[in-house]
N, C-alpha and C. Protein backbone atom coordinates (compact mmCIF):
# COMPACT_ATOMS: atom_id res chain seq x y z
N MET A 1 71.49 113.65 115.34
CA MET A 1 71.13 114.93 115.87
C MET A 1 69.79 115.29 115.60
N LEU A 2 69.24 115.75 116.71
CA LEU A 2 67.63 116.27 116.44
C LEU A 2 67.70 117.72 116.26
N ARG A 3 67.14 118.09 115.18
CA ARG A 3 67.36 119.38 114.82
C ARG A 3 66.32 120.41 115.51
N ASP A 4 66.74 121.48 116.23
CA ASP A 4 66.00 122.13 117.09
C ASP A 4 65.23 123.27 115.93
N PRO A 5 64.04 123.57 115.92
CA PRO A 5 63.23 124.04 114.86
C PRO A 5 63.59 125.77 115.17
N THR A 6 64.08 126.17 116.07
CA THR A 6 64.46 127.51 116.25
C THR A 6 65.96 127.84 115.76
N MET A 7 66.66 126.64 115.53
CA MET A 7 67.97 127.04 115.11
C MET A 7 68.20 127.57 113.75
N ASP A 8 69.04 128.67 113.70
CA ASP A 8 69.19 128.99 112.30
C ASP A 8 70.24 128.35 111.56
N ALA A 9 70.14 128.43 110.26
CA ALA A 9 70.82 127.60 109.38
C ALA A 9 72.56 127.64 109.69
N VAL A 10 72.84 128.69 109.79
CA VAL A 10 74.29 129.20 110.18
C VAL A 10 74.83 128.19 111.48
N THR A 11 73.89 128.20 112.58
CA THR A 11 74.28 127.43 113.88
C THR A 11 74.26 126.00 113.19
N LEU A 12 73.39 125.60 112.73
CA LEU A 12 73.09 124.30 112.25
C LEU A 12 74.40 123.79 111.47
N LEU A 13 74.74 124.69 110.24
CA LEU A 13 75.89 124.08 109.63
C LEU A 13 77.18 124.20 110.41
N ALA A 14 77.34 125.15 111.44
CA ALA A 14 78.58 124.90 112.13
C ALA A 14 78.66 123.59 113.04
N LEU A 15 77.22 123.33 113.69
CA LEU A 15 77.11 122.06 114.57
C LEU A 15 77.60 120.87 113.54
N LYS A 16 77.26 120.80 112.17
CA LYS A 16 77.45 119.63 111.38
C LYS A 16 78.87 119.80 110.96
N ARG A 17 79.45 120.74 110.85
CA ARG A 17 80.84 120.72 110.57
C ARG A 17 81.80 120.04 111.78
N GLU A 18 81.18 120.70 112.90
CA GLU A 18 82.10 119.99 113.91
C GLU A 18 82.01 118.52 114.17
N HIS A 19 80.60 118.25 113.95
CA HIS A 19 80.57 116.61 114.17
C HIS A 19 81.27 115.93 112.95
N LEU A 20 81.32 116.35 111.84
CA LEU A 20 82.17 115.91 110.81
C LEU A 20 83.57 115.91 110.99
N LYS A 21 84.23 116.87 111.72
CA LYS A 21 85.58 117.17 111.82
C LYS A 21 85.87 116.03 112.96
N ARG A 22 85.16 115.65 114.09
CA ARG A 22 85.26 114.76 115.05
C ARG A 22 85.33 113.45 114.38
N LEU A 23 84.36 113.17 113.47
CA LEU A 23 84.16 111.75 112.79
C LEU A 23 85.47 111.65 111.98
N THR A 24 85.82 112.69 111.19
CA THR A 24 86.93 112.30 110.59
C THR A 24 88.19 111.94 111.25
N ASN A 25 88.52 112.80 112.42
CA ASN A 25 89.70 112.51 113.06
C ASN A 25 89.61 111.12 113.76
N GLN A 26 88.55 110.67 114.11
CA GLN A 26 88.46 109.49 114.60
C GLN A 26 88.92 108.36 113.51
N LYS A 27 88.30 108.60 112.57
CA LYS A 27 88.34 107.36 111.50
C LYS A 27 89.74 107.77 111.05
N GLY A 28 90.42 108.72 110.89
CA GLY A 28 91.90 108.94 110.48
C GLY A 28 92.75 108.32 111.42
N ALA A 29 92.44 108.53 112.86
CA ALA A 29 93.32 107.89 114.01
C ALA A 29 93.11 106.14 113.82
N ALA A 30 92.10 105.76 113.57
CA ALA A 30 91.83 104.43 113.62
C ALA A 30 92.60 103.90 112.44
N GLY A 31 92.53 104.45 111.22
CA GLY A 31 93.24 104.11 110.14
C GLY A 31 94.91 103.96 110.28
N GLU A 32 95.27 104.86 111.05
CA GLU A 32 96.61 105.19 111.28
C GLU A 32 96.97 103.82 112.25
N ARG A 33 96.28 103.32 113.14
CA ARG A 33 96.33 102.37 114.24
C ARG A 33 96.58 101.19 113.39
N ALA A 34 95.69 100.97 112.38
CA ALA A 34 95.47 99.72 111.50
C ALA A 34 96.82 99.54 110.78
N VAL A 35 97.26 100.66 110.17
CA VAL A 35 98.40 100.54 109.35
C VAL A 35 99.72 100.27 110.48
N LEU A 36 99.87 100.79 111.57
CA LEU A 36 100.82 100.65 112.63
C LEU A 36 100.90 99.16 112.82
N GLY A 37 99.75 98.55 113.01
CA GLY A 37 99.47 97.06 113.50
C GLY A 37 99.87 96.29 112.37
N ALA A 38 99.77 96.65 111.02
CA ALA A 38 99.92 95.83 109.92
C ALA A 38 101.55 95.82 109.43
N ASN A 39 102.24 96.88 110.14
CA ASN A 39 103.66 97.01 109.66
C ASN A 39 104.42 96.78 110.96
N ALA A 40 104.95 95.69 111.11
CA ALA A 40 105.84 95.50 112.48
C ALA A 40 107.16 96.17 112.46
N HIS A 41 107.61 96.91 111.23
CA HIS A 41 108.66 97.59 111.21
C HIS A 41 108.50 99.18 111.44
N PHE A 42 107.29 99.32 111.65
CA PHE A 42 106.95 100.82 112.01
C PHE A 42 106.95 100.92 113.47
N ILE A 43 107.32 101.93 113.92
CA ILE A 43 107.16 102.25 115.53
C ILE A 43 106.38 103.41 115.56
N PRO A 44 105.25 103.43 116.36
CA PRO A 44 104.42 104.57 116.49
C PRO A 44 105.36 105.77 116.96
N ARG A 45 104.73 107.17 116.52
CA ARG A 45 105.37 108.18 116.94
C ARG A 45 105.32 108.31 118.44
N PRO A 46 106.33 108.53 119.17
CA PRO A 46 106.45 108.80 120.74
C PRO A 46 105.70 109.81 121.07
N THR A 47 105.13 109.90 122.38
CA THR A 47 104.51 111.18 122.98
C THR A 47 105.23 111.85 124.09
N GLY A 48 104.96 112.90 124.51
CA GLY A 48 105.37 113.58 125.87
C GLY A 48 106.89 113.92 125.64
N LYS A 49 107.52 113.56 126.88
CA LYS A 49 108.86 113.71 127.00
C LYS A 49 109.60 112.74 125.97
N ALA A 50 109.21 111.67 125.57
CA ALA A 50 110.08 110.93 124.59
C ALA A 50 110.01 111.54 123.39
N LEU A 51 108.86 112.02 122.84
CA LEU A 51 109.00 112.77 121.64
C LEU A 51 109.85 114.01 121.68
N ALA A 52 109.73 114.77 122.82
CA ALA A 52 110.48 116.03 122.93
C ALA A 52 111.88 115.55 122.84
N ASN A 53 112.53 114.51 123.54
CA ASN A 53 113.95 114.11 123.35
C ASN A 53 114.16 113.95 121.90
N LEU A 54 113.29 113.09 121.03
CA LEU A 54 113.62 112.79 119.75
C LEU A 54 113.79 114.21 118.95
N LEU A 55 112.73 115.23 119.04
CA LEU A 55 112.96 116.35 118.36
C LEU A 55 113.89 117.09 118.87
N THR A 56 114.53 117.25 119.98
CA THR A 56 115.69 117.73 120.59
C THR A 56 116.90 117.19 119.75
N VAL A 57 117.02 115.94 119.90
CA VAL A 57 118.21 115.25 119.31
C VAL A 57 118.26 115.46 117.55
N LEU A 58 117.09 115.38 117.02
CA LEU A 58 116.97 115.74 115.69
C LEU A 58 117.31 117.10 115.40
N ALA A 59 116.95 118.27 116.11
CA ALA A 59 117.14 119.45 115.99
C ALA A 59 118.89 119.59 116.05
N GLU A 60 119.48 118.85 116.86
CA GLU A 60 121.00 118.88 117.07
C GLU A 60 121.66 118.47 115.41
N THR A 61 120.99 117.86 114.66
CA THR A 61 121.65 117.51 113.39
C THR A 61 121.12 118.29 112.46
N GLY A 62 120.28 119.72 112.91
CA GLY A 62 119.90 120.69 112.07
C GLY A 62 118.62 120.23 111.34
N VAL A 63 117.87 119.59 111.75
CA VAL A 63 116.66 119.06 111.17
C VAL A 63 115.50 119.42 112.23
N ARG A 64 114.67 120.48 111.94
CA ARG A 64 113.50 120.97 112.98
C ARG A 64 112.41 120.72 112.32
N ILE A 65 111.47 119.75 113.01
CA ILE A 65 110.02 119.43 112.57
C ILE A 65 109.03 119.69 113.44
N LYS A 66 107.96 119.65 113.25
CA LYS A 66 106.85 119.72 114.24
C LYS A 66 106.48 118.50 114.76
N ARG A 67 105.97 118.40 115.93
CA ARG A 67 105.79 117.00 116.49
C ARG A 67 104.61 116.34 115.86
N THR A 68 103.58 116.95 115.15
CA THR A 68 102.50 116.41 114.36
C THR A 68 103.05 116.05 112.87
N SER A 69 103.99 116.32 112.15
CA SER A 69 104.37 116.11 111.08
C SER A 69 104.65 114.68 110.66
N PHE A 70 104.67 113.67 111.50
CA PHE A 70 104.64 112.42 111.19
C PHE A 70 104.01 111.47 112.22
N ASP A 71 103.77 110.33 111.61
CA ASP A 71 102.74 109.45 112.57
C ASP A 71 103.72 108.23 113.08
N ALA A 72 104.73 107.76 112.43
CA ALA A 72 105.43 106.62 112.80
C ALA A 72 106.95 106.72 112.31
N ILE A 73 107.63 105.87 112.76
CA ILE A 73 109.19 105.58 112.34
C ILE A 73 109.53 104.42 112.10
N ALA A 74 110.28 104.49 110.74
CA ALA A 74 110.75 102.99 110.41
C ALA A 74 112.40 102.93 110.54
N LEU A 75 112.71 101.92 110.89
CA LEU A 75 114.25 101.64 111.01
C LEU A 75 114.70 100.37 110.23
N PRO A 76 115.92 100.63 109.65
CA PRO A 76 116.15 99.42 108.87
C PRO A 76 116.17 98.08 109.26
N GLU A 77 116.33 97.98 110.76
CA GLU A 77 116.17 96.61 111.34
C GLU A 77 115.57 96.74 112.53
N PRO A 78 114.88 95.81 113.00
CA PRO A 78 113.92 95.84 114.13
C PRO A 78 114.85 96.09 115.45
N MET A 79 114.52 97.11 115.98
CA MET A 79 115.35 97.39 117.38
C MET A 79 114.30 98.19 118.45
N ILE A 80 114.96 98.08 119.84
CA ILE A 80 114.08 98.56 120.70
C ILE A 80 114.69 100.13 120.76
N VAL A 81 113.87 101.08 120.85
CA VAL A 81 114.29 102.46 120.96
C VAL A 81 113.67 103.20 122.24
N ASP A 82 114.73 103.62 123.00
CA ASP A 82 114.68 104.06 124.25
C ASP A 82 114.76 105.59 124.05
N TYR A 83 113.58 106.21 124.02
CA TYR A 83 113.71 107.65 123.66
C TYR A 83 113.94 108.48 124.86
N PHE A 84 114.33 107.93 126.12
CA PHE A 84 114.88 108.57 127.17
C PHE A 84 116.23 108.39 127.24
N ASP A 85 117.11 107.74 126.40
CA ASP A 85 118.36 107.52 126.15
C ASP A 85 118.95 108.34 125.06
N THR A 86 119.15 109.59 125.15
CA THR A 86 119.66 110.63 124.31
C THR A 86 121.01 110.11 123.49
N GLU A 87 121.74 109.35 124.25
CA GLU A 87 122.87 108.77 123.50
C GLU A 87 122.50 107.93 122.43
N GLN A 88 121.57 106.85 122.88
CA GLN A 88 120.93 105.93 121.68
C GLN A 88 120.42 106.65 120.79
N LEU A 89 119.53 107.68 120.85
CA LEU A 89 118.94 108.53 119.93
C LEU A 89 119.97 109.03 118.88
N ARG A 90 120.85 109.51 119.23
CA ARG A 90 121.93 110.34 118.70
C ARG A 90 122.65 109.41 117.77
N LYS A 91 122.71 108.20 118.21
CA LYS A 91 123.36 106.95 117.48
C LYS A 91 122.69 106.70 116.30
N ILE A 92 121.26 106.67 116.54
CA ILE A 92 120.44 105.81 115.49
C ILE A 92 119.50 106.99 114.61
N VAL A 93 119.61 108.25 114.94
CA VAL A 93 118.66 109.31 114.41
C VAL A 93 118.55 109.24 112.87
N ASP A 94 119.94 109.27 112.37
CA ASP A 94 120.22 109.34 111.10
C ASP A 94 119.65 107.88 110.37
N LEU A 95 119.39 106.86 111.00
CA LEU A 95 118.63 105.67 110.24
C LEU A 95 117.24 105.67 110.32
N MET A 96 116.63 106.71 111.14
CA MET A 96 115.15 106.80 110.98
C MET A 96 114.54 107.42 109.83
N THR A 97 113.54 106.72 109.50
CA THR A 97 112.67 107.24 108.29
C THR A 97 111.24 107.59 109.01
N PHE A 98 110.86 108.88 108.76
CA PHE A 98 109.87 109.33 109.42
C PHE A 98 108.60 109.46 108.48
N ILE A 99 107.39 108.71 108.85
CA ILE A 99 106.38 108.18 108.01
C ILE A 99 105.10 108.84 108.42
N GLU A 100 104.64 109.51 107.31
CA GLU A 100 103.29 110.17 107.59
C GLU A 100 102.24 109.19 106.98
N ILE A 101 101.30 108.76 107.75
CA ILE A 101 100.23 107.83 107.34
C ILE A 101 99.23 108.74 106.66
N LYS A 102 98.47 108.15 105.57
CA LYS A 102 97.20 108.69 105.04
C LYS A 102 96.54 107.47 104.84
N THR A 103 95.22 107.63 105.13
CA THR A 103 94.29 106.26 105.06
C THR A 103 93.13 107.04 104.19
N ALA A 104 92.55 106.02 103.11
CA ALA A 104 91.43 106.15 102.45
C ALA A 104 90.47 105.28 102.80
N ASN A 105 89.17 105.77 102.79
CA ASN A 105 87.92 104.86 103.00
C ASN A 105 86.82 105.00 101.90
N GLN A 106 87.33 105.44 100.84
CA GLN A 106 86.30 105.87 99.73
C GLN A 106 86.41 104.56 98.59
N GLY A 107 85.27 104.24 98.06
CA GLY A 107 85.21 103.31 97.12
C GLY A 107 85.90 103.50 95.89
N ARG A 108 85.80 104.75 95.74
CA ARG A 108 86.62 105.47 94.33
C ARG A 108 87.76 105.20 94.28
N VAL A 109 88.55 105.25 95.35
CA VAL A 109 90.13 105.05 95.29
C VAL A 109 90.47 103.73 94.60
N ARG A 110 91.44 103.83 93.40
CA ARG A 110 91.76 102.51 92.97
C ARG A 110 92.95 101.90 93.49
N ALA A 111 93.47 100.88 92.74
CA ALA A 111 94.60 100.06 93.25
C ALA A 111 95.84 100.73 93.47
N ASP A 112 95.89 101.86 92.20
CA ASP A 112 97.11 102.50 92.36
C ASP A 112 96.85 103.92 92.98
N PHE A 113 95.86 103.89 93.70
CA PHE A 113 95.59 105.13 94.49
C PHE A 113 95.00 106.41 93.92
N SER A 114 94.74 106.37 92.56
CA SER A 114 94.17 107.36 91.78
C SER A 114 92.83 107.38 92.27
N GLY A 115 92.32 108.54 92.17
CA GLY A 115 91.14 108.98 92.59
C GLY A 115 91.02 109.37 94.15
N TYR A 116 92.34 109.18 94.72
CA TYR A 116 92.44 109.62 96.08
C TYR A 116 92.55 110.87 96.52
N PHE A 117 91.76 111.63 97.46
CA PHE A 117 91.95 113.11 97.36
C PHE A 117 92.38 113.05 99.12
N PHE A 118 93.40 113.70 99.36
CA PHE A 118 93.74 114.17 100.62
C PHE A 118 94.73 115.34 100.77
N ALA A 119 95.10 115.79 101.92
CA ALA A 119 95.98 117.02 102.05
C ALA A 119 97.03 116.90 102.69
N PHE A 120 98.02 117.42 102.68
CA PHE A 120 99.33 117.86 103.35
C PHE A 120 99.06 119.00 104.22
N THR A 121 99.51 118.89 105.54
CA THR A 121 99.62 120.06 106.43
C THR A 121 100.96 120.82 105.96
N GLU A 122 101.30 122.04 106.67
CA GLU A 122 102.31 122.76 106.38
C GLU A 122 103.20 122.10 107.26
N GLY A 123 103.07 121.52 108.27
CA GLY A 123 104.31 120.74 109.04
C GLY A 123 104.75 119.47 108.44
N GLU A 124 103.82 118.78 107.63
CA GLU A 124 104.15 117.72 106.97
C GLU A 124 105.12 118.16 105.54
N ILE A 125 104.66 119.24 105.07
CA ILE A 125 105.57 119.61 103.85
C ILE A 125 106.81 120.13 104.29
N GLU A 126 107.09 120.78 105.31
CA GLU A 126 107.99 121.29 106.03
C GLU A 126 108.95 120.14 106.36
N ALA A 127 108.41 118.95 106.99
CA ALA A 127 109.38 117.89 107.43
C ALA A 127 109.63 117.26 106.02
N ALA A 128 108.90 117.14 105.27
CA ALA A 128 109.40 116.31 104.05
C ALA A 128 110.61 117.29 103.31
N GLU A 129 110.76 118.34 103.28
CA GLU A 129 111.82 119.12 102.67
C GLU A 129 112.90 119.03 103.91
N ALA A 130 112.86 119.10 104.96
CA ALA A 130 113.97 119.10 105.87
C ALA A 130 114.69 117.65 106.25
N LEU A 131 113.80 116.83 105.85
CA LEU A 131 114.14 115.28 106.35
C LEU A 131 114.52 114.54 104.70
N GLY A 132 114.08 115.10 103.64
CA GLY A 132 114.44 114.63 102.50
C GLY A 132 114.07 113.09 102.17
N ASN A 133 115.01 112.29 101.83
CA ASN A 133 114.62 110.65 101.50
C ASN A 133 114.20 109.90 102.94
N ARG A 134 114.48 110.74 104.00
CA ARG A 134 114.06 110.16 105.25
C ARG A 134 112.65 110.31 105.80
N HIS A 135 111.72 111.05 104.86
CA HIS A 135 110.58 111.25 105.12
C HIS A 135 109.64 110.58 103.91
N LYS A 136 108.57 109.63 104.60
CA LYS A 136 108.00 108.78 103.64
C LYS A 136 106.45 109.12 103.87
N VAL A 137 105.47 108.91 102.99
CA VAL A 137 104.29 108.94 102.99
C VAL A 137 103.61 107.65 102.82
N MET A 138 103.12 106.87 103.70
CA MET A 138 102.10 105.55 103.62
C MET A 138 100.69 105.89 103.23
N LEU A 139 100.46 105.58 101.96
CA LEU A 139 99.06 105.66 101.72
C LEU A 139 98.44 104.26 101.76
N ASN A 140 97.38 104.08 102.52
CA ASN A 140 96.59 102.91 103.01
C ASN A 140 95.20 103.14 102.67
N ASN A 141 94.69 101.95 101.92
CA ASN A 141 93.30 101.91 101.50
C ASN A 141 92.62 101.12 102.48
N ASN A 142 91.89 101.51 103.32
CA ASN A 142 91.28 100.54 104.50
C ASN A 142 90.21 99.86 103.85
N LEU A 143 89.61 99.81 102.70
CA LEU A 143 88.88 99.22 102.13
C LEU A 143 89.26 97.96 101.52
N THR A 144 90.35 97.95 100.86
CA THR A 144 91.14 96.94 100.19
C THR A 144 92.38 96.36 100.81
N GLY A 145 92.94 97.12 101.75
CA GLY A 145 94.20 96.68 102.52
C GLY A 145 95.41 97.12 101.42
N GLU A 146 95.25 97.80 100.35
CA GLU A 146 96.34 98.27 99.56
C GLU A 146 97.13 99.34 100.05
N THR A 147 98.50 99.07 100.13
CA THR A 147 99.50 100.25 100.59
C THR A 147 100.37 100.74 99.40
N LEU A 148 100.73 101.93 99.64
CA LEU A 148 101.77 102.45 98.78
C LEU A 148 102.82 103.63 99.43
N LEU A 149 104.07 103.29 99.66
CA LEU A 149 105.17 103.82 100.45
C LEU A 149 105.57 104.89 99.32
N SER A 150 105.35 106.04 99.50
CA SER A 150 106.08 106.91 98.62
C SER A 150 106.34 108.22 99.15
N SER A 151 106.68 109.49 98.71
CA SER A 151 107.21 110.63 99.37
C SER A 151 106.57 111.79 98.82
N VAL A 152 106.43 113.03 99.65
CA VAL A 152 105.67 114.02 99.19
C VAL A 152 106.09 114.54 97.57
N PRO A 153 107.23 114.67 97.27
CA PRO A 153 107.82 114.99 95.94
C PRO A 153 106.96 114.11 94.84
N GLU A 154 107.11 112.81 95.10
CA GLU A 154 106.70 111.66 94.25
C GLU A 154 105.26 112.03 93.89
N LEU A 155 104.48 112.02 95.21
CA LEU A 155 102.99 112.19 95.07
C LEU A 155 102.53 113.66 94.33
N LEU A 156 103.01 114.54 94.47
CA LEU A 156 103.26 115.95 93.92
C LEU A 156 103.15 115.89 92.28
N VAL A 157 104.07 114.87 91.93
CA VAL A 157 104.35 114.68 90.49
C VAL A 157 103.08 113.76 89.86
N ARG A 158 102.38 113.03 90.63
CA ARG A 158 101.45 112.16 90.18
C ARG A 158 99.82 112.81 90.41
N ALA A 159 100.21 113.91 91.04
CA ALA A 159 98.69 114.55 91.41
C ALA A 159 98.39 115.12 90.04
N ARG A 160 96.83 114.81 89.75
CA ARG A 160 95.99 115.14 88.61
C ARG A 160 95.69 116.76 88.93
N SER A 161 95.60 117.24 89.98
CA SER A 161 95.36 118.42 90.54
C SER A 161 95.83 118.85 91.98
N THR A 162 95.98 119.92 92.18
CA THR A 162 96.09 120.54 93.62
C THR A 162 95.46 121.73 93.79
N THR A 163 94.85 121.67 94.89
CA THR A 163 93.96 122.76 95.46
C THR A 163 94.97 123.44 96.81
N TRP A 164 95.47 124.52 96.71
CA TRP A 164 96.13 125.21 97.98
C TRP A 164 95.09 125.82 98.55
N GLN A 165 95.13 125.68 100.10
CA GLN A 165 94.40 126.43 100.91
C GLN A 165 94.95 126.91 101.97
N LEU A 166 94.47 127.86 102.79
CA LEU A 166 95.13 128.50 103.94
C LEU A 166 94.04 128.29 104.83
N SER A 167 94.62 127.73 106.16
CA SER A 167 93.81 127.41 107.23
C SER A 167 94.34 128.60 108.47
N ILE A 168 93.54 129.32 109.06
CA ILE A 168 94.03 130.41 110.10
C ILE A 168 93.13 130.01 111.45
N GLN A 169 93.92 130.19 112.48
CA GLN A 169 93.55 130.10 113.76
C GLN A 169 93.72 131.32 114.39
N LEU A 170 92.66 132.01 114.80
CA LEU A 170 92.69 133.42 115.60
C LEU A 170 92.49 132.98 117.11
């Protein structure tokens, strides 16, 4: 990015933050695609009406989660899921494990994932609470290919520190 000499520091900082946000989202999405490609038993999160159908059927069981609170679904055995067949969804929804994927690209992350810093969204925490043992977190080290399937409670127990933050959209 070429710097305009008349641009004030606040504007420059805002532009750099916006650039970093786009870059982070692109790398995160690429990492999620890599994890999905490497795990044949993971089904990508459906989109559009298919996702709406899944969330509706899930809500019928008393579980309400946000559409962005998971990245993939795991089933105990390979099967084709027709998200437009709500009867099939009702039969298999209790077999589904909802997976949140977190990817690391930093050299400081060790084999046991110590040194890995990441955040959970409010939706991910709420999904973990609502789904219990049917919600998992897949940590993936993009540099080494190592993975760890865990849960929000297990990861919070392992945390060396937690920093809570509040995000606000006006």
